[in-house]
Protein backbone atom coordinates (compact mmCIF):
# COMPACT_ATOMS: atom_id res chain seq x y z
CA MET A 1 -0.10 -0.11 -0.04
CA LYS A 2 1.10 4.07 -0.75
CA ALA A 3 0.48 7.00 0.67
CA VAL A 4 0.97 10.39 -1.05
CA ILE A 5 2.60 13.07 1.39
CA THR A 6 2.42 16.61 0.29
CA VAL A 7 4.69 19.73 2.51
CA THR A 8 4.24 23.35 2.12
CA GLY A 9 5.38 26.56 3.54
CA LYS A 10 8.09 28.64 3.64
CA ASP A 11 11.35 26.99 2.89
CA ALA A 12 13.95 26.33 5.55
CA VAL A 13 16.88 24.28 6.08
CA GLY A 14 16.27 20.60 6.61
CA ILE A 15 12.23 19.88 5.86
CA ILE A 16 13.25 17.00 3.48
CA ALA A 17 15.54 15.59 6.59
CA ARG A 18 12.38 16.14 9.60
CA VAL A 19 9.65 14.43 6.84
CA ALA A 20 12.16 11.95 5.71
CA ASP A 21 13.22 10.96 9.80
CA LYS A 22 9.63 10.80 10.84
CA CYS A 23 8.70 8.42 8.17
CA SER A 24 11.68 6.30 8.98
CA GLU A 25 10.49 6.38 12.56
CA LYS A 26 7.22 4.94 11.34
CA SER A 27 8.99 2.11 9.45
CA VAL A 28 7.54 3.92 6.09
CA ASN A 29 9.89 3.99 2.66
CA ILE A 30 9.80 6.72 0.55
CA ILE A 31 9.29 5.60 -3.06
CA ASP A 32 9.53 8.92 -5.11
CA ILE A 33 10.23 12.28 -3.82
CA SER A 34 9.74 15.85 -5.55
CA GLN A 35 10.35 18.91 -4.25
CA SER A 36 11.23 22.66 -5.38
CA VAL A 37 11.23 25.88 -3.86
CA ILE A 38 9.76 28.67 -5.78
CA ARG A 39 11.36 32.03 -4.33
CA ASP A 40 11.15 31.79 -0.60
CA TYR A 41 8.17 29.07 -0.64
CA PHE A 42 8.90 24.92 -0.67
CA ALA A 43 6.98 22.18 -2.18
CA MET A 44 7.41 18.74 -1.91
CA ILE A 45 4.96 15.84 -3.22
CA MET A 46 6.13 12.24 -1.64
CA LEU A 47 5.22 8.86 -2.58
CA VAL A 48 5.40 6.31 0.02
CA ASP A 49 5.18 2.63 0.56
CA ILE A 50 2.80 1.78 4.23
CA ASP A 51 3.54 -1.94 4.30
CA ARG A 52 5.33 -1.86 7.25
CA LEU A 53 4.58 0.93 9.22
CA VAL A 54 4.57 0.93 12.98
CA GLY A 55 0.67 2.30 14.42
CA SER A 56 -1.98 2.83 12.60
CA PHE A 57 -2.46 4.83 9.27
CA GLY A 58 -4.83 7.50 11.71
CA ASP A 59 -1.89 7.70 13.95
CA PHE A 60 0.61 8.68 11.51
CA VAL A 61 -1.63 10.90 9.53
CA ASP A 62 -1.54 13.08 12.73
CA ASP A 63 2.48 12.57 13.45
CA MET A 64 2.84 14.32 10.11
CA THR A 65 0.37 16.54 10.78
CA LYS A 66 1.82 17.62 14.12
CA LEU A 67 5.30 17.89 12.80
CA GLY A 68 4.32 20.08 9.82
CA GLU A 69 2.66 22.28 12.75
CA GLU A 70 5.46 22.75 14.91
CA ALA A 71 7.79 23.53 11.44
CA GLY A 72 5.42 26.06 10.20
CA LEU A 73 4.46 23.76 7.62
CA VAL A 74 1.33 22.00 5.76
CA ILE A 75 2.21 18.56 5.90
CA SER A 76 -0.97 16.61 4.84
CA THR A 77 -0.87 12.48 3.98
CA MET A 78 -3.67 10.77 2.32
CA HIS A 79 -3.68 7.03 1.12
CA GLU A 80 -2.98 6.69 -2.48
CA ASP A 81 -6.30 5.27 -2.96
CA ILE A 82 -8.42 8.88 -1.73
CA PHE A 83 -5.16 10.47 -3.70
CA ASN A 84 -6.17 8.76 -6.97
CA SER A 85 -10.16 9.20 -6.50
CA MET A 86 -9.90 12.85 -5.94
CA HIS A 87 -7.74 13.30 -8.85
CA ARG A 88 -9.80 11.41 -11.28
CA ILE A 89 -11.45 12.98 -14.10
């Protein structure tokens, strides 16, 4: 199973590292990552494998949201199936 994590906010040192550390802590593997900085704004989307996720998916979503709040970022985490359904034409 996969999930999509999006991160947006003001650019700062260590954003990718903080998100990757939280993923590692929860045994979530990063499959693909794309990031961009436009002026002072950071945007990233990650595709992650959640097959070995430690704990529930809901708890992981909450942990990522909290990480974003602590860092002054908006971090959204959703199951790949939901992401695909939302973006289907």
